[in-house]
Amino acid sequence: MKRFEDLEVYKKAFALAISVYKLTNSKSFDLNIKNQIQRAALSIPLNIAEGFELQSNKQFIKFLYISKASSGELRSLLRICEELNFIDKIIVDDLLNETEDVSKQLSKFISYLKNSKIE
């Protein structure tokens, strides 16, 4: 793989970030929550990209873990937004499913990289 843009997990994380960003820009949100949820969503694909570009398997894994942590943060923020009635439950459930899918893909990718002979 020569480009992070070719990674399936990056593509899904990128699409998720765009969805969250568009949703939070189109609705009225508390500014603190809006900023935090956008940062968490953006952090997922950005850390995949940054880690990939370091050209070190060890560093890449570290950044994939950061992406995975950001996906947990995003899930928590989505639940908060649902409780505060900022986002409808149906939309939250869809975004949670997408976020969990990305998180599972990150876990599998991390396991693959840990077990590979690539440095």
Protein backbone atom coordinates (compact mmCIF):
# COMPACT_ATOMS: atom_id res chain seq x y z
CA MET A 1 0.00 0.00 0.00
CA LYS A 2 1.51 3.27 -1.09
CA ARG A 3 -1.10 5.79 0.06
CA PHE A 4 -3.21 6.07 3.18
CA GLU A 5 -6.08 7.15 0.93
CA ASP A 6 -6.21 3.56 -0.35
CA LEU A 7 -6.87 2.09 3.10
CA GLU A 8 -10.47 0.99 3.53
CA VAL A 9 -10.48 2.04 7.19
CA TYR A 10 -9.29 5.52 6.21
CA LYS A 11 -12.07 5.85 3.61
CA LYS A 12 -14.71 4.90 6.18
CA ALA A 13 -13.22 7.17 8.85
CA PHE A 14 -13.07 10.04 6.36
CA ALA A 15 -16.74 9.56 5.38
CA LEU A 16 -17.73 9.41 9.05
CA ALA A 17 -15.89 12.66 9.81
CA ILE A 18 -17.59 14.41 6.90
CA SER A 19 -21.02 13.17 8.04
CA VAL A 20 -20.47 14.36 11.61
CA TYR A 21 -19.06 17.70 10.48
CA LYS A 22 -22.00 18.38 8.13
CA LEU A 23 -24.53 17.35 10.77
CA THR A 24 -23.05 19.53 13.48
CA ASN A 25 -22.74 22.52 11.15
CA SER A 26 -26.37 22.25 10.07
CA LYS A 27 -27.89 22.26 13.55
CA SER A 28 -27.85 24.49 16.57
CA PHE A 29 -25.36 23.12 19.08
CA ASP A 30 -23.68 24.22 22.23
CA LEU A 31 -20.37 25.58 20.91
CA ASN A 32 -18.24 23.47 23.28
CA ILE A 33 -19.93 20.21 22.30
CA LYS A 34 -19.89 21.14 18.61
CA ASN A 35 -16.15 21.81 18.71
CA GLN A 36 -15.41 18.67 20.70
CA ILE A 37 -17.49 16.32 18.53
CA GLN A 38 -15.97 17.77 15.35
CA ARG A 39 -12.44 17.39 16.75
CA ALA A 40 -13.10 13.79 17.79
CA ALA A 41 -14.55 12.91 14.38
CA LEU A 42 -11.72 14.62 12.50
CA SER A 43 -9.08 12.99 14.69
CA ILE A 44 -9.95 9.49 13.46
CA PRO A 45 -8.93 9.82 9.78
CA LEU A 46 -6.26 12.44 10.50
CA ASN A 47 -4.37 10.14 12.85
CA ILE A 48 -4.58 7.28 10.35
CA ALA A 49 -3.04 9.57 7.73
CA GLU A 50 -0.38 10.97 10.04
CA GLY A 51 0.67 7.56 11.32
CA PHE A 52 0.86 6.12 7.82
CA GLU A 53 3.11 8.92 6.63
CA LEU A 54 5.65 8.25 9.40
CA GLN A 55 6.73 5.12 7.50
CA SER A 56 7.26 3.18 10.73
CA ASN A 57 5.07 0.26 11.70
CA LYS A 58 5.54 0.99 15.41
CA GLN A 59 4.57 4.65 15.01
CA PHE A 60 1.68 3.78 12.70
CA ILE A 61 0.24 1.43 15.32
CA LYS A 62 0.53 4.18 17.94
CA PHE A 63 -1.48 6.57 15.75
CA LEU A 64 -4.06 3.87 14.97
CA TYR A 65 -4.59 3.50 18.72
CA ILE A 66 -5.14 7.26 18.94
CA SER A 67 -7.72 6.97 16.14
CA LYS A 68 -9.41 4.16 18.02
CA ALA A 69 -9.49 6.24 21.20
CA SER A 70 -11.04 9.12 19.25
CA SER A 71 -13.74 6.77 18.00
CA GLY A 72 -14.60 6.00 21.64
CA GLU A 73 -14.71 9.70 22.39
CA LEU A 74 -16.99 10.26 19.39
CA ARG A 75 -19.37 7.51 20.51
CA SER A 76 -19.61 9.06 23.96
CA LEU A 77 -20.23 12.52 22.50
CA LEU A 78 -22.94 11.16 20.21
CA ARG A 79 -24.75 9.70 23.22
CA ILE A 80 -24.47 13.03 25.02
CA CYS A 81 -25.92 14.82 21.98
CA GLU A 82 -28.77 12.33 21.92
CA GLU A 83 -29.53 12.88 25.62
CA LEU A 84 -29.49 16.65 25.11
CA ASN A 85 -31.76 16.30 22.06
CA PHE A 86 -29.19 17.87 19.75
CA ILE A 87 -29.34 14.82 17.43
CA ASP A 88 -32.25 12.44 16.81
CA LYS A 89 -31.85 8.89 18.10
CA ILE A 90 -32.09 7.37 14.61
CA ILE A 91 -29.21 9.51 13.36
CA VAL A 92 -27.19 8.79 16.50
CA ASP A 93 -27.72 5.06 16.07
CA ASP A 94 -26.55 5.21 12.43
CA LEU A 95 -23.46 7.22 13.38
CA LEU A 96 -22.73 4.91 16.31
CA ASN A 97 -22.86 1.91 13.99
CA GLU A 98 -20.47 3.60 11.56
CA THR A 99 -18.14 4.58 14.40
CA GLU A 100 -18.15 1.08 15.88
CA ASP A 101 -17.42 -0.37 12.43
CA VAL A 102 -14.41 1.93 12.04
CA SER A 103 -13.23 1.01 15.55
CA LYS A 104 -13.46 -2.72 14.75
CA GLN A 105 -11.56 -2.20 11.51
CA LEU A 106 -8.88 -0.29 13.40
CA SER A 107 -8.56 -3.16 15.90
CA LYS A 108 -8.16 -5.70 13.11
CA PHE A 109 -5.65 -3.52 11.31
CA ILE A 110 -3.63 -3.01 14.50
CA SER A 111 -3.57 -6.79 15.06
CA TYR A 112 -2.49 -7.36 11.48
CA LEU A 113 0.34 -4.83 11.74
CA LYS A 114 1.50 -6.20 15.11
CA ASN A 115 1.73 -9.70 13.64
CA SER A 116 3.36 -8.66 10.38
CA LYS A 117 7.09 -8.78 9.73
CA ILE A 118 7.03 -5.20 8.39
CA GLU A 119 9.07 -2.74 10.45
